[in-house]
Amino acid sequence: MKLLIASDAYHPQVNGVVRSLEQMVRRAPEHGFETALLTVADFRSLPLPGYPEIRLAYAGRERVAARWRAERPSHVHIATEGPVGLAARRHCLAHGLPFTTSYHTRFPEYLAARAPVPEAWSYAYLRRFHSAARGTMVSTASLQDELSARGFPRLMRWTRGVDTGRFRPADPGAPVPAELAALPRPLFLYVGRLAVEKNVAAFLSLDLPGTKVMVGDGPDRARLQALAPGARFLGTRTGPALSALYAACDVFVFPSLTDTFGIVLLEALASGLPVAAFPVPGPNDVVGGTRVGCLDRDLRAAALAALALSRTECRAEALRCGWDVSARQFFGNIIAAHRGEREDRDAA
């Protein structure tokens, strides 16, 4: 079986969509699939205004059709709702091909934060986009309930995971990364895009002891640095450098009000780092009801309370969230949807 994954988000972008898809590609052979990718790299593209790291493809019909003839996929998954996703959707509908989709990002809220576009308009577009699919995969129970209430049909659960080999507590005696060594503790860490929709200013405005450590980049970086000159902005980190930063800090602060999941939450837990966040979907689904995170409408109170949580319990919680569970759900959904099964698939 060959699965074609169409996505506007893929390397060199660094985000949760890319991490999820690369893990599915890596694990596809274990589930009997070969994979092919249809991404922005296959087309001419332009940078998205305000987000130059994100490119918008000119996904022409002929180029898409040529890729289909070359790959001859037996299954199709459309991961994003941008130009590449639209082109793949259009091709599938024109040729009567079944496909699945996934809902990763709250674009209506993100767009409304930047432009006077009513959320209802954006949700109407997204509902139409996904309603043509045999199934739409969502990451959490709360998101599934919300989208169902908005009229999205045929929702299927696809959880996310974490590489617990890459993200792990520091070995005893391991040196603290040089950029953190002289900073006053405790170290409150943020990892993610520096953009208005991430609500990063809510974290930077907190009166906390120690140091705020910011990992990531984005269009709002200059404004945020001016807002919090005492914070340390380290830019983007990946691989072992990122893992070492997680393991060396004391609390992971997640200020977003709109993320649908937050893979960084699992990366923090795998590194032994307790979580502080608002009690909203995403954090509620990942750490709600556990002893590895503090959720409070007062984010400062949550951050301070998280200092007392057990790093050992954080690691143990993450060990239950491997990418193998995520891949089993993903490929199970692909097969079920292709066969025309209509029931929601909620269990791992």
C-alpha atoms as a PDB file:
ATOM      1  CA  MET A   1       0.000   0.000   0.000  1.00  0.00           C
ATOM      2  CA  LYS A   2       1.222   3.497  -0.778  1.00  0.00           C
ATOM      3  CA  LEU A   3       0.028   6.529   1.161  1.00  0.00           C
ATOM      4  CA  LEU A   4       0.361   9.970  -0.381  1.00  0.00           C
ATOM      5  CA  ILE A   5       0.520  12.710   2.276  1.00  0.00           C
ATOM      6  CA  ALA A   6      -0.256  16.205   1.005  1.00  0.00           C
ATOM      7  CA  SER A   7       0.869  19.006   3.285  1.00  0.00           C
ATOM      8  CA  ASP A   8       1.644  22.708   3.133  1.00  0.00           C
ATOM      9  CA  ALA A   9       3.797  22.178   6.246  1.00  0.00           C
ATOM     10  CA  TYR A  10       6.997  20.173   5.991  1.00  0.00           C
ATOM     11  CA  HIS A  11      10.743  20.635   6.236  1.00  0.00           C
ATOM     12  CA  PRO A  12      12.427  23.052   6.729  1.00  0.00           C
ATOM     13  CA  GLN A  13       9.516  24.315   8.851  1.00  0.00           C
ATOM     14  CA  VAL A  14       9.727  23.476  12.558  1.00  0.00           C
ATOM     15  CA  ASN A  15       6.313  22.912  14.127  1.00  0.00           C
ATOM     16  CA  GLY A  16       4.002  20.250  15.499  1.00  0.00           C
ATOM     17  CA  VAL A  17       2.490  19.395  12.124  1.00  0.00           C
ATOM     18  CA  VAL A  18       5.907  18.658  10.651  1.00  0.00           C
ATOM     19  CA  ARG A  19       6.994  16.614  13.680  1.00  0.00           C
ATOM     20  CA  SER A  20       3.815  14.539  13.536  1.00  0.00           C
ATOM     21  CA  LEU A  21       4.065  13.829   9.816  1.00  0.00           C
ATOM     22  CA  GLU A  22       7.755  12.948   9.877  1.00  0.00           C
ATOM     23  CA  GLN A  23       7.062  10.439  12.641  1.00  0.00           C
ATOM     24  CA  MET A  24       4.249   8.855  10.604  1.00  0.00           C
ATOM     25  CA  VAL A  25       6.501   8.610   7.558  1.00  0.00           C
ATOM     26  CA  ARG A  26       9.194   6.986   9.682  1.00  0.00           C
ATOM     27  CA  ARG A  27       6.800   4.396  11.097  1.00  0.00           C
ATOM     28  CA  ALA A  28       4.792   3.695   7.946  1.00  0.00           C
ATOM     29  CA  PRO A  29       6.609   0.434   7.028  1.00  0.00           C
ATOM     30  CA  GLU A  30       5.664  -1.036  10.421  1.00  0.00           C
ATOM     31  CA  HIS A  31       2.016  -0.660   9.366  1.00  0.00           C
ATOM     32  CA  GLY A  32       2.388  -1.977   5.833  1.00  0.00           C
ATOM     33  CA  PHE A  33       2.651   1.388   4.062  1.00  0.00           C
ATOM     34  CA  GLU A  34       5.068   3.040   1.725  1.00  0.00           C
ATOM     35  CA  THR A  35       4.767   6.835   1.749  1.00  0.00           C
ATOM     36  CA  ALA A  36       5.091   9.643  -0.763  1.00  0.00           C
ATOM     37  CA  LEU A  37       4.925  13.354   0.008  1.00  0.00           C
ATOM     38  CA  LEU A  38       3.291  16.207  -1.883  1.00  0.00           C
ATOM     39  CA  THR A  39       4.562  19.444  -0.324  1.00  0.00           C
ATOM     40  CA  VAL A  40       5.435  23.047  -1.108  1.00  0.00           C
ATOM     41  CA  ALA A  41       8.826  21.803  -2.337  1.00  0.00           C
ATOM     42  CA  ASP A  42       7.081  20.312  -5.389  1.00  0.00           C
ATOM     43  CA  PHE A  43       5.819  23.684  -6.649  1.00  0.00           C
ATOM     44  CA  ARG A  44       6.770  27.290  -7.209  1.00  0.00           C
ATOM     45  CA  SER A  45       6.018  29.237  -4.036  1.00  0.00           C
ATOM     46  CA  LEU A  46       6.039  32.620  -2.337  1.00  0.00           C
ATOM     47  CA  PRO A  47       6.691  33.480   1.338  1.00  0.00           C
ATOM     48  CA  LEU A  48       3.610  34.075   3.470  1.00  0.00           C
ATOM     49  CA  PRO A  49       3.482  37.771   4.465  1.00  0.00           C
ATOM     50  CA  GLY A  50       4.574  38.085   8.085  1.00  0.00           C
ATOM     51  CA  TYR A  51       5.774  34.438   8.154  1.00  0.00           C
ATOM     52  CA  PRO A  52       8.600  34.180   5.602  1.00  0.00           C
ATOM     53  CA  GLU A  53       9.493  30.687   6.844  1.00  0.00           C
ATOM     54  CA  ILE A  54       6.085  29.511   5.605  1.00  0.00           C
ATOM     55  CA  ARG A  55       5.688  29.399   1.828  1.00  0.00           C
ATOM     56  CA  LEU A  56       2.515  29.389  -0.230  1.00  0.00           C
ATOM     57  CA  ALA A  57       2.600  27.054  -3.216  1.00  0.00           C
ATOM     58  CA  TYR A  58       1.220  27.583  -6.685  1.00  0.00           C
ATOM     59  CA  ALA A  59      -0.116  24.043  -6.919  1.00  0.00           C
ATOM     60  CA  GLY A  60      -1.150  23.771 -10.555  1.00  0.00           C
ATOM     61  CA  ARG A  61      -3.479  20.994 -11.696  1.00  0.00           C
ATOM     62  CA  GLU A  62      -1.069  19.546 -14.260  1.00  0.00           C
ATOM     63  CA  ARG A  63       1.797  19.298 -11.799  1.00  0.00           C
ATOM     64  CA  VAL A  64      -0.453  17.596  -9.232  1.00  0.00           C
ATOM     65  CA  ALA A  65      -1.783  15.147 -11.813  1.00  0.00           C
ATOM     66  CA  ALA A  66       1.774  14.309 -12.901  1.00  0.00           C
ATOM     67  CA  ARG A  67       2.768  13.494  -9.320  1.00  0.00           C
ATOM     68  CA  TRP A  68      -0.291  11.263  -8.986  1.00  0.00           C
ATOM     69  CA  ARG A  69       0.654   9.345 -12.122  1.00  0.00           C
ATOM     70  CA  ALA A  70       4.204   8.957 -10.879  1.00  0.00           C
ATOM     71  CA  GLU A  71       3.312   7.811  -7.363  1.00  0.00           C
ATOM     72  CA  ARG A  72       0.065   5.880  -8.008  1.00  0.00           C
ATOM     73  CA  PRO A  73      -1.036   6.018  -4.329  1.00  0.00           C
ATOM     74  CA  SER A  74      -3.591   3.601  -2.934  1.00  0.00           C
ATOM     75  CA  HIS A  75      -4.477   5.935  -0.037  1.00  0.00           C
ATOM     76  CA  VAL A  76      -4.402   9.718   0.389  1.00  0.00           C
ATOM     77  CA  HIS A  77      -4.136  11.874   3.504  1.00  0.00           C
ATOM     78  CA  ILE A  78      -4.440  15.671   3.287  1.00  0.00           C
ATOM     79  CA  ALA A  79      -2.760  17.190   6.325  1.00  0.00           C
ATOM     80  CA  THR A  80      -3.374  20.912   5.796  1.00  0.00           C
ATOM     81  CA  GLU A  81      -5.958  23.245   4.313  1.00  0.00           C
ATOM     82  CA  GLY A  82      -3.568  25.485   2.351  1.00  0.00           C
ATOM     83  CA  PRO A  83      -2.831  25.557  -1.402  1.00  0.00           C
ATOM     84  CA  VAL A  84      -1.202  22.112  -1.484  1.00  0.00           C
ATOM     85  CA  GLY A  85      -4.052  20.587   0.515  1.00  0.00           C
ATOM     86  CA  LEU A  86      -6.622  22.287  -1.704  1.00  0.00           C
ATOM     87  CA  ALA A  87      -4.919  20.995  -4.845  1.00  0.00           C
ATOM     88  CA  ALA A  88      -4.853  17.434  -3.528  1.00  0.00           C
ATOM     89  CA  ARG A  89      -8.484  17.685  -2.426  1.00  0.00           C
ATOM     90  CA  ARG A  90      -9.517  19.011  -5.842  1.00  0.00           C
ATOM     91  CA  HIS A  91      -7.719  16.151  -7.606  1.00  0.00           C
ATOM     92  CA  CYS A  92      -9.314  13.515  -5.378  1.00  0.00           C
ATOM     93  CA  LEU A  93     -12.805  14.896  -5.858  1.00  0.00           C
ATOM     94  CA  ALA A  94     -12.365  15.196  -9.621  1.00  0.00           C
ATOM     95  CA  HIS A  95     -11.334  11.547  -9.882  1.00  0.00           C
ATOM     96  CA  GLY A  96     -13.583  10.043  -7.207  1.00  0.00           C
ATOM     97  CA  LEU A  97     -10.709   9.120  -4.907  1.00  0.00           C
ATOM     98  CA  PRO A  98     -11.310   8.690  -1.160  1.00  0.00           C
ATOM     99  CA  PHE A  99      -9.101  10.614   1.233  1.00  0.00           C
ATOM    100  CA  THR A 100      -8.695  11.541   4.885  1.00  0.00           C
ATOM    101  CA  THR A 101      -7.765  14.896   6.401  1.00  0.00           C
ATOM    102  CA  SER A 102      -6.437  16.131   9.723  1.00  0.00           C
ATOM    103  CA  TYR A 103      -7.222  19.265  11.722  1.00  0.00           C
ATOM    104  CA  HIS A 104      -4.027  20.581  13.287  1.00  0.00           C
ATOM    105  CA  THR A 105      -4.400  24.321  13.717  1.00  0.00           C
ATOM    106  CA  ARG A 106      -7.034  26.789  14.874  1.00  0.00           C
ATOM    107  CA  PHE A 107      -6.741  28.997  11.811  1.00  0.00           C
ATOM    108  CA  PRO A 108      -9.998  30.870  12.545  1.00  0.00           C
ATOM    109  CA  GLU A 109      -8.635  32.117  15.864  1.00  0.00           C
ATOM    110  CA  TYR A 110      -5.172  32.793  14.412  1.00  0.00           C
ATOM    111  CA  LEU A 111      -6.600  34.750  11.488  1.00  0.00           C
ATOM    112  CA  ALA A 112      -8.983  36.721  13.700  1.00  0.00           C
ATOM    113  CA  ALA A 113      -6.013  37.753  15.866  1.00  0.00           C
ATOM    114  CA  ARG A 114      -4.350  39.357  12.844  1.00  0.00           C
ATOM    115  CA  ALA A 115      -7.166  40.516  10.571  1.00  0.00           C
ATOM    116  CA  PRO A 116     -10.848  41.511  10.830  1.00  0.00           C
ATOM    117  CA  VAL A 117     -12.102  38.138   9.590  1.00  0.00           C
ATOM    118  CA  PRO A 118     -14.990  36.666  11.623  1.00  0.00           C
ATOM    119  CA  GLU A 119     -14.224  33.219  12.993  1.00  0.00           C
ATOM    120  CA  ALA A 120     -17.571  31.980  11.668  1.00  0.00           C
ATOM    121  CA  TRP A 121     -16.427  32.609   8.093  1.00  0.00           C
ATOM    122  CA  SER A 122     -13.197  30.672   8.584  1.00  0.00           C
ATOM    123  CA  TYR A 123     -14.969  27.782  10.273  1.00  0.00           C
ATOM    124  CA  ALA A 124     -17.450  27.617   7.388  1.00  0.00           C
ATOM    125  CA  TYR A 125     -14.543  27.232   4.952  1.00  0.00           C
ATOM    126  CA  LEU A 126     -12.837  24.591   7.100  1.00  0.00           C
ATOM    127  CA  ARG A 127     -16.075  22.650   7.598  1.00  0.00           C
ATOM    128  CA  ARG A 128     -16.599  22.532   3.833  1.00  0.00           C
ATOM    129  CA  PHE A 129     -12.972  21.516   3.251  1.00  0.00           C
ATOM    130  CA  HIS A 130     -13.053  18.612   5.715  1.00  0.00           C
ATOM    131  CA  SER A 131     -16.611  17.446   5.068  1.00  0.00           C
ATOM    132  CA  ALA A 132     -15.526  15.974   1.734  1.00  0.00           C
ATOM    133  CA  ALA A 133     -13.155  13.572   3.499  1.00  0.00           C
ATOM    134  CA  ARG A 134     -13.908  10.008   4.565  1.00  0.00           C
ATOM    135  CA  GLY A 135     -12.613  11.008   7.996  1.00  0.00           C
ATOM    136  CA  THR A 136     -10.994  13.994   9.709  1.00  0.00           C
ATOM    137  CA  MET A 137      -8.395  13.249  12.365  1.00  0.00           C
ATOM    138  CA  VAL A 138      -8.263  15.363  15.534  1.00  0.00           C
ATOM    139  CA  SER A 139      -5.781  15.172  18.370  1.00  0.00           C
ATOM    140  CA  THR A 140      -7.939  15.350  21.510  1.00  0.00           C
ATOM    141  CA  ALA A 141     -11.369  14.588  22.925  1.00  0.00           C
ATOM    142  CA  SER A 142     -12.117  18.244  23.592  1.00  0.00           C
ATOM    143  CA  LEU A 143     -11.290  19.226  20.015  1.00  0.00           C
ATOM    144  CA  GLN A 144     -13.424  16.397  18.716  1.00  0.00           C
ATOM    145  CA  ASP A 145     -16.372  17.584  20.804  1.00  0.00           C
ATOM    146  CA  GLU A 146     -15.883  21.195  19.708  1.00  0.00           C
ATOM    147  CA  LEU A 147     -15.675  20.434  15.997  1.00  0.00           C
ATOM    148  CA  SER A 148     -18.598  18.036  16.200  1.00  0.00           C
ATOM    149  CA  ALA A 149     -20.674  20.828  17.720  1.00  0.00           C
ATOM    150  CA  ARG A 150     -19.626  23.032  14.794  1.00  0.00           C
ATOM    151  CA  GLY A 151     -20.934  20.484  12.306  1.00  0.00           C
ATOM    152  CA  PHE A 152     -17.736  18.688  11.269  1.00  0.00           C
ATOM    153  CA  PRO A 153     -18.648  15.077  10.360  1.00  0.00           C
ATOM    154  CA  ARG A 154     -16.743  11.779  10.579  1.00  0.00           C
ATOM    155  CA  LEU A 155     -14.185  12.803  13.194  1.00  0.00           C
ATOM    156  CA  MET A 156     -11.463  10.302  14.135  1.00  0.00           C
ATOM    157  CA  ARG A 157      -9.016  10.461  17.038  1.00  0.00           C
ATOM    158  CA  TRP A 158      -5.295  10.726  16.332  1.00  0.00           C
ATOM    159  CA  THR A 159      -3.200  11.481  19.389  1.00  0.00           C
ATOM    160  CA  ARG A 160       0.350  12.805  19.288  1.00  0.00           C
ATOM    161  CA  GLY A 161       3.523  11.392  20.776  1.00  0.00           C
ATOM    162  CA  VAL A 162       7.042  12.121  21.866  1.00  0.00           C
ATOM    163  CA  ASP A 163      10.462  10.604  21.228  1.00  0.00           C
ATOM    164  CA  THR A 164      11.401   9.607  24.770  1.00  0.00           C
ATOM    165  CA  GLY A 165      14.882   8.617  23.639  1.00  0.00           C
ATOM    166  CA  ARG A 166      15.673  12.079  22.306  1.00  0.00           C
ATOM    167  CA  PHE A 167      13.867  13.999  25.053  1.00  0.00           C
ATOM    168  CA  ARG A 168      14.981  12.732  28.448  1.00  0.00           C
ATOM    169  CA  PRO A 169      16.245  14.036  31.799  1.00  0.00           C
ATOM    170  CA  ALA A 170      19.881  15.071  31.953  1.00  0.00           C
ATOM    171  CA  ASP A 171      22.327  12.383  32.971  1.00  0.00           C
ATOM    172  CA  PRO A 172      23.759  12.754  36.493  1.00  0.00           C
ATOM    173  CA  GLY A 173      26.703  15.123  36.399  1.00  0.00           C
ATOM    174  CA  ALA A 174      25.917  16.372  32.886  1.00  0.00           C
ATOM    175  CA  PRO A 175      26.975  20.017  32.410  1.00  0.00           C
ATOM    176  CA  VAL A 176      24.313  22.672  32.071  1.00  0.00           C
ATOM    177  CA  PRO A 177      24.248  24.207  28.554  1.00  0.00           C
ATOM    178  CA  ALA A 178      26.647  27.151  28.466  1.00  0.00           C
ATOM    179  CA  GLU A 179      23.920  29.681  27.586  1.00  0.00           C
ATOM    180  CA  LEU A 180      22.047  28.773  30.786  1.00  0.00           C
ATOM    181  CA  ALA A 181      24.896  28.188  33.207  1.00  0.00           C
ATOM    182  CA  ALA A 182      25.123  31.702  34.669  1.00  0.00           C
ATOM    183  CA  LEU A 183      21.433  32.540  34.667  1.00  0.00           C
ATOM    184  CA  PRO A 184      19.553  33.051  37.951  1.00  0.00           C
ATOM    185  CA  ARG A 185      17.284  30.126  38.768  1.00  0.00           C
ATOM    186  CA  PRO A 186      14.620  28.881  38.573  1.00  0.00           C
ATOM    187  CA  LEU A 187      14.545  28.698  34.784  1.00  0.00           C
ATOM    188  CA  PHE A 188      11.083  28.996  33.230  1.00  0.00           C
ATOM    189  CA  LEU A 189      11.177  27.713  29.662  1.00  0.00           C
ATOM    190  CA  TYR A 190       9.058  28.482  26.589  1.00  0.00           C
ATOM    191  CA  VAL A 191       9.560  26.602  23.311  1.00  0.00           C
ATOM    192  CA  GLY A 192       7.600  27.565  20.229  1.00  0.00           C
ATOM    193  CA  ARG A 193       6.852  30.175  17.625  1.00  0.00           C
ATOM    194  CA  LEU A 194       7.122  33.800  18.706  1.00  0.00           C
ATOM    195  CA  ALA A 195       3.844  35.053  17.290  1.00  0.00           C
ATOM    196  CA  VAL A 196       0.792  36.890  18.580  1.00  0.00           C
ATOM    197  CA  GLU A 197      -1.462  33.820  18.427  1.00  0.00           C
ATOM    198  CA  LYS A 198       0.799  31.968  20.872  1.00  0.00           C
ATOM    199  CA  ASN A 199       0.006  34.478  23.650  1.00  0.00           C
ATOM    200  CA  VAL A 200       3.682  34.625  24.603  1.00  0.00           C
ATOM    201  CA  ALA A 201       3.317  38.100  26.097  1.00  0.00           C
ATOM    202  CA  ALA A 202       1.151  36.615  28.850  1.00  0.00           C
ATOM    203  CA  PHE A 203       4.176  34.630  30.013  1.00  0.00           C
ATOM    204  CA  LEU A 204       6.727  37.396  29.583  1.00  0.00           C
ATOM    205  CA  SER A 205       4.620  39.827  31.615  1.00  0.00           C
ATOM    206  CA  LEU A 206       4.626  37.576  34.698  1.00  0.00           C
ATOM    207  CA  ASP A 207       6.519  38.609  37.799  1.00  0.00           C
ATOM    208  CA  LEU A 208       8.543  35.450  38.398  1.00  0.00           C
ATOM    209  CA  PRO A 209      11.816  34.740  40.203  1.00  0.00           C
ATOM    210  CA  GLY A 210      14.792  33.522  38.211  1.00  0.00           C
ATOM    211  CA  THR A 211      14.906  33.730  34.411  1.00  0.00           C
ATOM    212  CA  LYS A 212      12.526  33.283  31.497  1.00  0.00           C
ATOM    213  CA  VAL A 213      14.188  31.285  28.712  1.00  0.00           C
ATOM    214  CA  MET A 214      12.713  31.650  25.221  1.00  0.00           C
ATOM    215  CA  VAL A 215      13.466  29.103  22.493  1.00  0.00           C
ATOM    216  CA  GLY A 216      12.072  29.719  19.021  1.00  0.00           C
ATOM    217  CA  ASP A 217      11.637  32.504  16.532  1.00  0.00           C
ATOM    218  CA  GLY A 218       8.864  34.273  14.683  1.00  0.00           C
ATOM    219  CA  PRO A 219       7.408  37.565  13.509  1.00  0.00           C
ATOM    220  CA  ASP A 220       6.765  38.859  17.041  1.00  0.00           C
ATOM    221  CA  ARG A 221      10.293  38.395  18.359  1.00  0.00           C
ATOM    222  CA  ALA A 222      11.390  42.048  18.301  1.00  0.00           C
ATOM    223  CA  ARG A 223       8.279  43.234  20.122  1.00  0.00           C
ATOM    224  CA  LEU A 224       8.566  40.491  22.732  1.00  0.00           C
ATOM    225  CA  GLN A 225      12.243  41.198  23.375  1.00  0.00           C
ATOM    226  CA  ALA A 226      11.415  44.842  23.972  1.00  0.00           C
ATOM    227  CA  LEU A 227       8.617  43.792  26.334  1.00  0.00           C
ATOM    228  CA  ALA A 228      10.895  41.597  28.451  1.00  0.00           C
ATOM    229  CA  PRO A 229      14.547  42.677  28.253  1.00  0.00           C
ATOM    230  CA  GLY A 230      15.407  40.411  31.182  1.00  0.00           C
ATOM    231  CA  ALA A 231      14.344  37.253  29.344  1.00  0.00           C
ATOM    232  CA  ARG A 232      16.905  35.227  27.382  1.00  0.00           C
ATOM    233  CA  PHE A 233      15.940  34.746  23.722  1.00  0.00           C
ATOM    234  CA  LEU A 234      17.984  31.877  22.319  1.00  0.00           C
ATOM    235  CA  GLY A 235      16.446  31.537  18.868  1.00  0.00           C
ATOM    236  CA  THR A 236      15.551  28.229  17.260  1.00  0.00           C
ATOM    237  CA  ARG A 237      17.121  25.054  18.607  1.00  0.00           C
ATOM    238  CA  THR A 238      16.760  21.505  17.323  1.00  0.00           C
ATOM    239  CA  GLY A 239      18.176  18.056  18.017  1.00  0.00           C
ATOM    240  CA  PRO A 240      20.482  17.517  21.012  1.00  0.00           C
ATOM    241  CA  ALA A 241      20.779  21.274  21.644  1.00  0.00           C
ATOM    242  CA  LEU A 242      17.018  21.527  22.176  1.00  0.00           C
ATOM    243  CA  SER A 243      16.887  18.384  24.311  1.00  0.00           C
ATOM    244  CA  ALA A 244      19.642  19.721  26.574  1.00  0.00           C
ATOM    245  CA  LEU A 245      17.768  22.996  27.104  1.00  0.00           C
ATOM    246  CA  TYR A 246      14.585  21.202  28.142  1.00  0.00           C
ATOM    247  CA  ALA A 247      16.450  18.996  30.602  1.00  0.00           C
ATOM    248  CA  ALA A 248      18.320  21.911  32.181  1.00  0.00           C
ATOM    249  CA  CYS A 249      15.276  24.064  33.000  1.00  0.00           C
ATOM    250  CA  ASP A 250      12.860  23.889  35.930  1.00  0.00           C
ATOM    251  CA  VAL A 251       9.338  24.543  34.592  1.00  0.00           C
ATOM    252  CA  PHE A 252       7.834  24.587  31.118  1.00  0.00           C
ATOM    253  CA  VAL A 253       5.355  27.444  30.638  1.00  0.00           C
ATOM    254  CA  PHE A 254       2.765  27.081  27.875  1.00  0.00           C
ATOM    255  CA  PRO A 255       0.750  30.309  27.540  1.00  0.00           C
ATOM    256  CA  SER A 256      -1.212  29.436  24.393  1.00  0.00           C
ATOM    257  CA  LEU A 257      -4.997  29.629  24.523  1.00  0.00           C
ATOM    258  CA  THR A 258      -5.556  28.174  21.047  1.00  0.00           C
ATOM    259  CA  ASP A 259      -3.192  25.251  20.369  1.00  0.00           C
ATOM    260  CA  THR A 260      -5.040  22.059  19.543  1.00  0.00           C
ATOM    261  CA  PHE A 261      -2.488  19.868  21.351  1.00  0.00           C
ATOM    262  CA  GLY A 262       1.051  21.101  21.965  1.00  0.00           C
ATOM    263  CA  ILE A 263       3.680  18.427  21.271  1.00  0.00           C
ATOM    264  CA  VAL A 264       6.115  20.616  23.224  1.00  0.00           C
ATOM    265  CA  LEU A 265       4.147  19.673  26.357  1.00  0.00           C
ATOM    266  CA  LEU A 266       5.102  16.035  25.862  1.00  0.00           C
ATOM    267  CA  GLU A 267       8.705  16.957  25.051  1.00  0.00           C
ATOM    268  CA  ALA A 268       8.909  18.867  28.318  1.00  0.00           C
ATOM    269  CA  LEU A 269       7.406  16.007  30.334  1.00  0.00           C
ATOM    270  CA  ALA A 270       9.752  13.490  28.705  1.00  0.00           C
ATOM    271  CA  SER A 271      12.632  15.714  29.841  1.00  0.00           C
ATOM    272  CA  GLY A 272      11.336  15.639  33.422  1.00  0.00           C
ATOM    273  CA  LEU A 273       9.952  19.167  33.205  1.00  0.00           C
ATOM    274  CA  PRO A 274       6.580  19.975  34.868  1.00  0.00           C
ATOM    275  CA  VAL A 275       4.107  22.107  32.932  1.00  0.00           C
ATOM    276  CA  ALA A 276       2.368  25.381  33.798  1.00  0.00           C
ATOM    277  CA  ALA A 277      -0.492  26.449  31.538  1.00  0.00           C
ATOM    278  CA  PHE A 278      -3.952  27.912  31.349  1.00  0.00           C
ATOM    279  CA  PRO A 279      -6.863  25.467  31.890  1.00  0.00           C
ATOM    280  CA  VAL A 280      -7.865  25.338  28.211  1.00  0.00           C
ATOM    281  CA  PRO A 281      -8.175  22.584  25.567  1.00  0.00           C
ATOM    282  CA  GLY A 282      -4.738  21.274  24.727  1.00  0.00           C
ATOM    283  CA  PRO A 283      -3.153  21.532  28.183  1.00  0.00           C
ATOM    284  CA  ASN A 284      -6.343  20.140  29.743  1.00  0.00           C
ATOM    285  CA  ASP A 285      -6.143  17.117  27.452  1.00  0.00           C
ATOM    286  CA  VAL A 286      -2.421  16.515  27.974  1.00  0.00           C
ATOM    287  CA  VAL A 287      -1.860  17.218  31.701  1.00  0.00           C
ATOM    288  CA  GLY A 288      -5.324  17.811  33.145  1.00  0.00           C
ATOM    289  CA  GLY A 289      -6.100  15.440  36.003  1.00  0.00           C
ATOM    290  CA  THR A 290      -2.434  14.475  36.431  1.00  0.00           C
ATOM    291  CA  ARG A 291       0.278  15.419  38.907  1.00  0.00           C
ATOM    292  CA  VAL A 292       2.698  16.630  36.227  1.00  0.00           C
ATOM    293  CA  GLY A 293       1.211  20.018  35.438  1.00  0.00           C
ATOM    294  CA  CYS A 294      -0.463  22.986  37.072  1.00  0.00           C
ATOM    295  CA  LEU A 295      -3.354  24.599  35.220  1.00  0.00           C
ATOM    296  CA  ASP A 296      -4.627  27.922  36.502  1.00  0.00           C
ATOM    297  CA  ARG A 297      -6.186  31.071  35.079  1.00  0.00           C
ATOM    298  CA  ASP A 298      -3.448  32.802  37.073  1.00  0.00           C
ATOM    299  CA  LEU A 299      -0.448  31.666  35.008  1.00  0.00           C
ATOM    300  CA  ARG A 300       2.012  33.020  37.572  1.00  0.00           C
ATOM    301  CA  ALA A 301       0.432  30.863  40.282  1.00  0.00           C
ATOM    302  CA  ALA A 302       0.613  27.843  37.980  1.00  0.00           C
ATOM    303  CA  ALA A 303       4.289  28.462  37.204  1.00  0.00           C
ATOM    304  CA  LEU A 304       5.268  28.784  40.850  1.00  0.00           C
ATOM    305  CA  ALA A 305       3.236  25.743  41.910  1.00  0.00           C
ATOM    306  CA  ALA A 306       4.810  23.642  39.157  1.00  0.00           C
ATOM    307  CA  LEU A 307       8.218  24.071  40.821  1.00  0.00           C
ATOM    308  CA  ALA A 308       7.115  21.610  43.491  1.00  0.00           C
ATOM    309  CA  LEU A 309       6.061  18.820  41.094  1.00  0.00           C
ATOM    310  CA  SER A 310       7.998  15.587  40.685  1.00  0.00           C
ATOM    311  CA  ARG A 311      10.296  15.413  37.685  1.00  0.00           C
ATOM    312  CA  THR A 312      10.230  11.628  37.977  1.00  0.00           C
ATOM    313  CA  GLU A 313       6.452  11.570  37.599  1.00  0.00           C
ATOM    314  CA  CYS A 314       6.711  13.874  34.582  1.00  0.00           C
ATOM    315  CA  ARG A 315       9.008  11.401  32.868  1.00  0.00           C
ATOM    316  CA  ALA A 316       6.762   8.478  33.745  1.00  0.00           C
ATOM    317  CA  GLU A 317       3.731  10.237  32.243  1.00  0.00           C
ATOM    318  CA  ALA A 318       5.584  10.878  28.979  1.00  0.00           C
ATOM    319  CA  LEU A 319       6.650   7.235  28.696  1.00  0.00           C
ATOM    320  CA  ARG A 320       2.979   6.378  28.134  1.00  0.00           C
ATOM    321  CA  CYS A 321       2.850   8.678  25.093  1.00  0.00           C
ATOM    322  CA  GLY A 322       5.222   7.170  22.547  1.00  0.00           C
ATOM    323  CA  TRP A 323       4.871   7.781  18.819  1.00  0.00           C
ATOM    324  CA  ASP A 324       4.043   4.086  18.378  1.00  0.00           C
ATOM    325  CA  VAL A 325       0.593   4.722  19.896  1.00  0.00           C
ATOM    326  CA  SER A 326       0.086   7.712  17.614  1.00  0.00           C
ATOM    327  CA  ALA A 327       1.115   5.769  14.506  1.00  0.00           C
ATOM    328  CA  ARG A 328      -1.195   2.870  15.353  1.00  0.00           C
ATOM    329  CA  GLN A 329      -4.130   5.268  15.495  1.00  0.00           C
ATOM    330  CA  PHE A 330      -3.126   7.153  12.357  1.00  0.00           C
ATOM    331  CA  PHE A 331      -2.727   4.153  10.086  1.00  0.00           C
ATOM    332  CA  GLY A 332      -5.745   2.432  11.607  1.00  0.00           C
ATOM    333  CA  ASN A 333      -7.793   5.501  10.709  1.00  0.00           C
ATOM    334  CA  ILE A 334      -6.404   5.524   7.168  1.00  0.00           C
ATOM    335  CA  ILE A 335      -7.429   1.909   6.598  1.00  0.00           C
ATOM    336  CA  ALA A 336     -10.836   2.266   8.260  1.00  0.00           C
ATOM    337  CA  ALA A 337     -11.713   5.399   6.300  1.00  0.00           C
ATOM    338  CA  HIS A 338     -10.606   3.866   3.006  1.00  0.00           C
ATOM    339  CA  ARG A 339     -12.921   0.940   3.676  1.00  0.00           C
ATOM    340  CA  GLY A 340     -15.749   3.374   4.290  1.00  0.00           C
ATOM    341  CA  GLU A 341     -16.096   2.719   8.010  1.00  0.00           C
ATOM    342  CA  ARG A 342     -18.055   5.580   9.560  1.00  0.00           C
ATOM    343  CA  GLU A 343     -17.654   5.145  13.273  1.00  0.00           C
ATOM    344  CA  ASP A 344     -15.332   7.386  15.249  1.00  0.00           C
ATOM    345  CA  ARG A 345     -12.110   5.672  16.271  1.00  0.00           C
ATOM    346  CA  ASP A 346     -11.408   6.956  19.761  1.00  0.00           C
ATOM    347  CA  ALA A 347      -9.367   4.187  21.324  1.00  0.00           C
ATOM    348  CA  ALA A 348      -5.672   3.716  20.907  1.00  0.00           C
END
